[in-house]
Amino acid sequence: MTKQFSLAHLTALGCTPPELTYIAARAGYDFVSIRPIYMGLPGEPNYALAENKEMMRQTKVALADTGIKLLDIELARIYDGLDPKRYLPAFEVAAELGGRHVLSSIWTGDRNYAIERFAELCDLAKPFGLTIELEFVPIASVNDLASTLDVLRTANRENAGLMIDAHHFHRSGDKVEDLDAVPSEWFRYFHLCDAPAEIPTSKEEMTRILREERLYVGEGGIDIASIVNRIPEIPYSIELPNIKRAEELGYEEFARRCLQTAKDYLAANPRRELVSI
């Protein structure tokens, strides 16, 4: 099967969705993954396409011009006080642009509340033909594989899935063998990146690396091949923010190197066939 790659927005967050799409096409990607849900984080651009009609029009043109497909949108966070309906405009955007998935993560410590809101999110996305992919993040409330699977199994929605990020999986301390218990249909795409093997002890340093200084695939200390070998062949979304390199190389060349190093690593570490027992 031919490997497919998406350029995740966080890799080139300074680019608008149409700019990201043209860069992805020129650099050789198959998909883009965009962030049309504005989270209001410090220094984060607002790409809320539901509100910016001209940028939405430009994004549609860019996708049509390039043939690049929209893989997913993000980030539908679940937090205390959330009304999941606030994400409906972004779901409409994703559906209109031909997107497939919505990335979500959980930032509330209230398990029952989190599961209820996640289930509601899935129900709201279903009429748009979208899946909700739950990602565990080391600085979030749901921060490992076990707690993520707990949410997915309890919510029990057919359009729910699990999105593994190589950085986050390594930082969580989870074991690759635990992926064997995950239903294969829950895997729809994978965040590809690398990072130093040493796990930061402070939340501040963890946050800095995951937002600003991830490494090319194969450059760090994460055993990415062992993770990839435990999951089906699915699209690889390269989420690899590295502010210094992006500034030095420019977004397009940086995106190109992200893709080439990922391809080189995967070619050098071919996946083994999974054996069903």
Protein backbone atom coordinates (compact mmCIF):
# COMPACT_ATOMS: atom_id res chain seq x y z
CA MET A 1 0.00 0.00 0.00
CA THR A 2 1.31 3.45 -0.91
CA LYS A 3 2.00 5.54 2.17
CA GLN A 4 0.07 8.79 2.40
CA PHE A 5 1.12 11.91 4.28
CA SER A 6 -0.61 15.01 5.58
CA LEU A 7 0.95 18.33 6.52
CA ALA A 8 -0.40 19.16 9.97
CA HIS A 9 -1.09 22.83 10.62
CA LEU A 10 1.05 23.00 13.76
CA THR A 11 4.11 22.24 11.61
CA ALA A 12 3.61 25.52 9.77
CA LEU A 13 1.16 27.41 11.95
CA GLY A 14 2.14 30.77 10.50
CA CYS A 15 0.55 29.75 7.19
CA THR A 16 -3.12 30.34 6.51
CA PRO A 17 -5.08 27.25 5.39
CA PRO A 18 -4.79 28.16 1.68
CA GLU A 19 -1.06 28.87 2.04
CA LEU A 20 -0.61 25.57 3.88
CA THR A 21 -2.42 23.75 1.09
CA TYR A 22 -0.20 25.14 -1.66
CA ILE A 23 2.93 24.39 0.38
CA ALA A 24 1.72 20.83 1.01
CA ALA A 25 1.19 20.32 -2.73
CA ARG A 26 4.59 21.69 -3.72
CA ALA A 27 6.34 19.66 -1.00
CA GLY A 28 4.70 16.40 -2.06
CA TYR A 29 2.03 15.72 0.56
CA ASP A 30 -1.31 14.05 -0.10
CA PHE A 31 -3.38 15.86 2.55
CA VAL A 32 -3.47 18.88 4.82
CA SER A 33 -4.71 19.02 8.40
CA ILE A 34 -5.96 22.47 9.40
CA ARG A 35 -6.96 24.31 12.58
CA PRO A 36 -10.21 26.21 11.87
CA ILE A 37 -11.16 26.08 15.55
CA TYR A 38 -9.66 29.14 17.22
CA MET A 39 -8.48 28.32 20.74
CA GLY A 40 -7.24 31.76 21.75
CA LEU A 41 -3.81 30.56 22.83
CA PRO A 42 -1.04 33.19 23.11
CA GLY A 43 0.40 33.99 19.69
CA GLU A 44 -1.91 31.57 17.86
CA PRO A 45 -3.41 32.87 14.60
CA ASN A 46 -7.16 32.82 14.14
CA TYR A 47 -8.08 30.62 11.18
CA ALA A 48 -11.79 30.28 12.01
CA LEU A 49 -12.95 29.72 8.45
CA ALA A 50 -16.61 29.72 9.46
CA GLU A 51 -16.19 33.41 10.31
CA ASN A 52 -13.66 34.35 7.64
CA LYS A 53 -15.59 33.79 4.41
CA GLU A 54 -12.82 35.06 2.14
CA MET A 55 -10.23 32.74 3.68
CA MET A 56 -12.75 29.91 3.37
CA ARG A 57 -13.19 30.70 -0.33
CA GLN A 58 -9.41 30.80 -0.84
CA THR A 59 -9.02 27.46 0.93
CA LYS A 60 -11.62 25.83 -1.33
CA VAL A 61 -9.81 27.21 -4.36
CA ALA A 62 -6.43 25.96 -3.07
CA LEU A 63 -7.75 22.45 -2.48
CA ALA A 64 -9.34 22.40 -5.94
CA ASP A 65 -6.22 23.82 -7.64
CA THR A 66 -3.82 21.36 -6.03
CA GLY A 67 -5.85 18.19 -5.65
CA ILE A 68 -4.76 18.07 -2.02
CA LYS A 69 -7.42 16.60 0.27
CA LEU A 70 -8.37 17.74 3.76
CA LEU A 71 -7.62 14.93 6.21
CA ASP A 72 -8.80 16.44 9.48
CA ILE A 73 -9.51 19.59 11.45
CA GLU A 74 -8.59 20.45 15.02
CA LEU A 75 -8.86 20.97 17.87
CA ALA A 76 -12.21 20.17 19.48
CA ARG A 77 -11.07 20.31 23.09
CA ILE A 78 -13.31 19.07 25.89
CA TYR A 79 -13.04 21.26 28.98
CA ASP A 80 -15.16 22.29 31.95
CA GLY A 81 -18.14 24.37 30.85
CA LEU A 82 -17.95 23.35 27.19
CA ASP A 83 -21.04 23.42 24.99
CA PRO A 84 -20.03 21.04 22.18
CA LYS A 85 -22.39 22.88 19.83
CA ARG A 86 -19.77 25.64 19.61
CA TYR A 87 -17.89 23.33 17.25
CA LEU A 88 -20.78 22.98 14.78
CA PRO A 89 -19.56 25.81 12.50
CA ALA A 90 -16.16 24.09 12.24
CA PHE A 91 -17.85 20.77 11.47
CA GLU A 92 -19.71 22.49 8.64
CA VAL A 93 -16.42 23.87 7.35
CA ALA A 94 -14.79 20.43 7.47
CA ALA A 95 -17.68 18.80 5.63
CA GLU A 96 -17.78 21.51 2.96
CA LEU A 97 -14.05 21.12 2.37
CA GLY A 98 -14.28 17.32 2.15
CA GLY A 99 -12.64 16.62 5.50
CA ARG A 100 -12.87 13.24 7.19
CA HIS A 101 -11.94 13.58 10.83
CA VAL A 102 -11.99 15.94 13.82
CA LEU A 103 -9.23 15.79 16.42
CA SER A 104 -10.26 16.03 20.07
CA SER A 105 -8.54 15.97 23.46
CA ILE A 106 -9.78 16.14 27.04
CA TRP A 107 -8.80 18.86 29.52
CA THR A 108 -11.22 18.25 32.38
CA GLY A 109 -10.60 15.96 35.32
CA ASP A 110 -14.29 15.05 35.60
CA ARG A 111 -14.46 11.62 33.94
CA ASN A 112 -18.23 11.40 33.63
CA TYR A 113 -18.49 14.93 32.26
CA ALA A 114 -15.71 14.24 29.75
CA ILE A 115 -17.38 11.07 28.49
CA GLU A 116 -20.78 12.77 28.17
CA ARG A 117 -19.34 15.70 26.22
CA PHE A 118 -17.25 13.39 24.03
CA ALA A 119 -20.29 11.28 23.18
CA GLU A 120 -22.23 14.46 22.38
CA LEU A 121 -19.38 15.62 20.15
CA CYS A 122 -19.53 12.35 18.22
CA ASP A 123 -23.29 12.64 17.82
CA LEU A 124 -23.01 16.21 16.52
CA ALA A 125 -20.30 15.24 14.01
CA LYS A 126 -22.07 12.17 12.65
CA PRO A 127 -24.55 13.96 10.33
CA PHE A 128 -21.56 15.65 8.67
CA GLY A 129 -19.92 12.31 7.95
CA LEU A 130 -17.09 13.13 10.36
CA THR A 131 -15.33 10.97 12.91
CA ILE A 132 -14.04 12.25 16.26
CA GLU A 133 -10.49 11.10 16.94
CA LEU A 134 -9.47 11.24 20.60
CA GLU A 135 -5.83 12.08 21.25
CA PHE A 136 -4.13 11.79 24.61
CA VAL A 137 -1.74 14.62 25.41
CA PRO A 138 0.87 14.49 28.22
CA ILE A 139 -0.11 17.92 29.57
CA ALA A 140 -3.88 17.28 29.37
CA SER A 141 -6.25 15.50 31.78
CA VAL A 142 -6.55 12.41 29.59
CA ASN A 143 -2.86 11.77 29.09
CA ASP A 144 -2.30 8.09 28.41
CA LEU A 145 -3.62 5.19 26.38
CA ALA A 146 -5.60 3.53 29.16
CA SER A 147 -7.63 6.63 30.04
CA THR A 148 -8.31 7.30 26.36
CA LEU A 149 -9.56 3.77 25.75
CA ASP A 150 -11.77 4.13 28.82
CA VAL A 151 -13.48 7.14 27.24
CA LEU A 152 -13.86 5.46 23.86
CA ARG A 153 -15.28 2.24 25.26
CA THR A 154 -17.68 3.97 27.63
CA ALA A 155 -18.91 6.52 25.07
CA ASN A 156 -19.33 3.66 22.58
CA ARG A 157 -19.84 5.73 19.42
CA GLU A 158 -19.24 4.19 16.00
CA ASN A 159 -17.66 7.38 14.63
CA ALA A 160 -15.17 7.64 17.50
CA GLY A 161 -11.54 6.68 17.16
CA LEU A 162 -8.04 6.87 18.63
CA MET A 163 -5.37 9.20 17.29
CA ILE A 164 -1.84 8.37 18.44
CA ASP A 165 0.87 11.03 18.36
CA ALA A 166 4.39 9.60 18.44
CA HIS A 167 5.61 12.35 20.80
CA HIS A 168 2.69 11.94 23.19
CA PHE A 169 2.84 8.13 23.17
CA HIS A 170 6.49 8.20 24.15
CA ARG A 171 5.95 10.82 26.87
CA SER A 172 3.02 8.86 28.36
CA GLY A 173 5.22 5.86 29.08
CA ASP A 174 2.77 3.49 27.42
CA LYS A 175 3.96 0.18 26.00
CA VAL A 176 3.56 -0.63 22.32
CA GLU A 177 2.16 -4.05 23.22
CA ASP A 178 -0.89 -2.32 24.68
CA LEU A 179 -1.85 -1.16 21.18
CA ASP A 180 -2.69 -4.76 20.31
CA ALA A 181 -5.89 -4.47 22.37
CA VAL A 182 -7.18 -1.53 20.34
CA PRO A 183 -9.75 -2.37 17.63
CA SER A 184 -8.08 -1.78 14.26
CA GLU A 185 -11.02 0.32 13.01
CA TRP A 186 -10.29 2.91 15.71
CA PHE A 187 -7.08 3.89 13.93
CA ARG A 188 -7.64 6.38 11.11
CA TYR A 189 -4.45 8.48 11.03
CA PHE A 190 -1.25 8.90 13.04
CA HIS A 191 0.78 11.95 14.09
CA LEU A 192 4.37 11.48 13.01
CA CYS A 193 7.31 13.30 14.61
CA ASP A 194 10.31 12.64 16.84
CA ALA A 195 11.75 14.09 20.05
CA PRO A 196 14.61 13.49 22.49
CA ALA A 197 14.42 10.21 24.38
CA GLU A 198 14.70 11.93 27.74
CA ILE A 199 11.26 12.87 29.03
CA PRO A 200 11.06 16.38 30.56
CA THR A 201 10.15 16.49 34.24
CA SER A 202 8.41 19.87 34.09
CA LYS A 203 5.14 20.67 32.34
CA GLU A 204 6.68 23.89 31.01
CA GLU A 205 9.50 22.07 29.23
CA MET A 206 7.16 19.36 27.98
CA THR A 207 4.90 22.04 26.53
CA ARG A 208 7.78 23.94 24.95
CA ILE A 209 9.09 20.89 23.10
CA LEU A 210 5.71 19.67 21.89
CA ARG A 211 4.78 23.15 20.63
CA GLU A 212 8.15 24.48 19.46
CA GLU A 213 10.96 21.95 19.14
CA ARG A 214 10.03 18.55 17.83
CA LEU A 215 12.57 16.73 15.67
CA TYR A 216 12.66 15.15 12.23
CA VAL A 217 11.57 11.51 12.23
CA GLY A 218 14.58 9.35 13.04
CA GLU A 219 16.53 12.22 14.53
CA GLY A 220 15.35 11.77 18.12
CA GLY A 221 15.05 8.93 20.58
CA ILE A 222 11.49 7.67 20.03
CA ASP A 223 11.14 4.12 18.72
CA ILE A 224 8.61 5.16 16.11
CA ALA A 225 8.91 1.96 14.09
CA SER A 226 7.71 -0.14 17.01
CA ILE A 227 4.56 2.00 17.30
CA VAL A 228 3.86 2.04 13.57
CA ASN A 229 4.28 -1.72 13.42
CA ARG A 230 1.44 -2.21 15.90
CA ILE A 231 -1.18 -0.22 14.01
CA PRO A 232 -2.75 -0.56 10.55
CA GLU A 233 -1.41 1.24 7.48
CA ILE A 234 -3.10 4.63 7.80
CA PRO A 235 -2.22 8.17 6.68
CA TYR A 236 0.69 9.80 8.50
CA SER A 237 0.04 13.39 9.52
CA ILE A 238 3.38 15.07 10.13
CA GLU A 239 2.94 17.30 13.16
CA LEU A 240 6.44 18.55 13.74
CA PRO A 241 6.58 22.13 15.02
CA ASN A 242 10.12 23.45 15.23
CA ILE A 243 10.10 27.23 15.31
CA LYS A 244 13.84 27.71 14.80
CA ARG A 245 14.06 25.47 11.75
CA ALA A 246 10.92 26.90 10.20
CA GLU A 247 12.38 30.40 10.54
CA GLU A 248 15.76 29.36 9.13
CA LEU A 249 14.45 27.31 6.21
CA GLY A 250 11.08 28.90 5.52
CA TYR A 251 7.89 26.91 5.86
CA GLU A 252 8.01 25.26 2.46
CA GLU A 253 11.54 23.90 2.68
CA PHE A 254 10.95 22.88 6.29
CA ALA A 255 7.78 21.00 5.28
CA ARG A 256 9.70 19.32 2.46
CA ARG A 257 12.43 18.14 4.84
CA CYS A 258 9.86 16.91 7.35
CA LEU A 259 8.32 14.75 4.65
CA GLN A 260 11.59 13.46 3.19
CA THR A 261 13.06 12.47 6.55
CA ALA A 262 9.82 10.69 7.44
CA LYS A 263 9.86 8.77 4.16
CA ASP A 264 13.54 7.89 4.63
CA TYR A 265 12.89 6.59 8.14
CA LEU A 266 9.90 4.49 7.14
CA ALA A 267 11.82 3.06 4.17
CA ALA A 268 14.71 2.13 6.45
CA ASN A 269 12.33 0.60 9.00
CA PRO A 270 9.78 -1.35 6.94
CA ARG A 271 6.73 -2.52 8.83
CA ARG A 272 6.28 -6.19 9.55
CA GLU A 273 3.02 -7.88 8.74
CA LEU A 274 0.78 -8.08 11.79
CA VAL A 275 -0.10 -11.66 12.63
CA SER A 276 -3.65 -12.40 13.74
CA ILE A 277 -3.96 -14.98 16.48
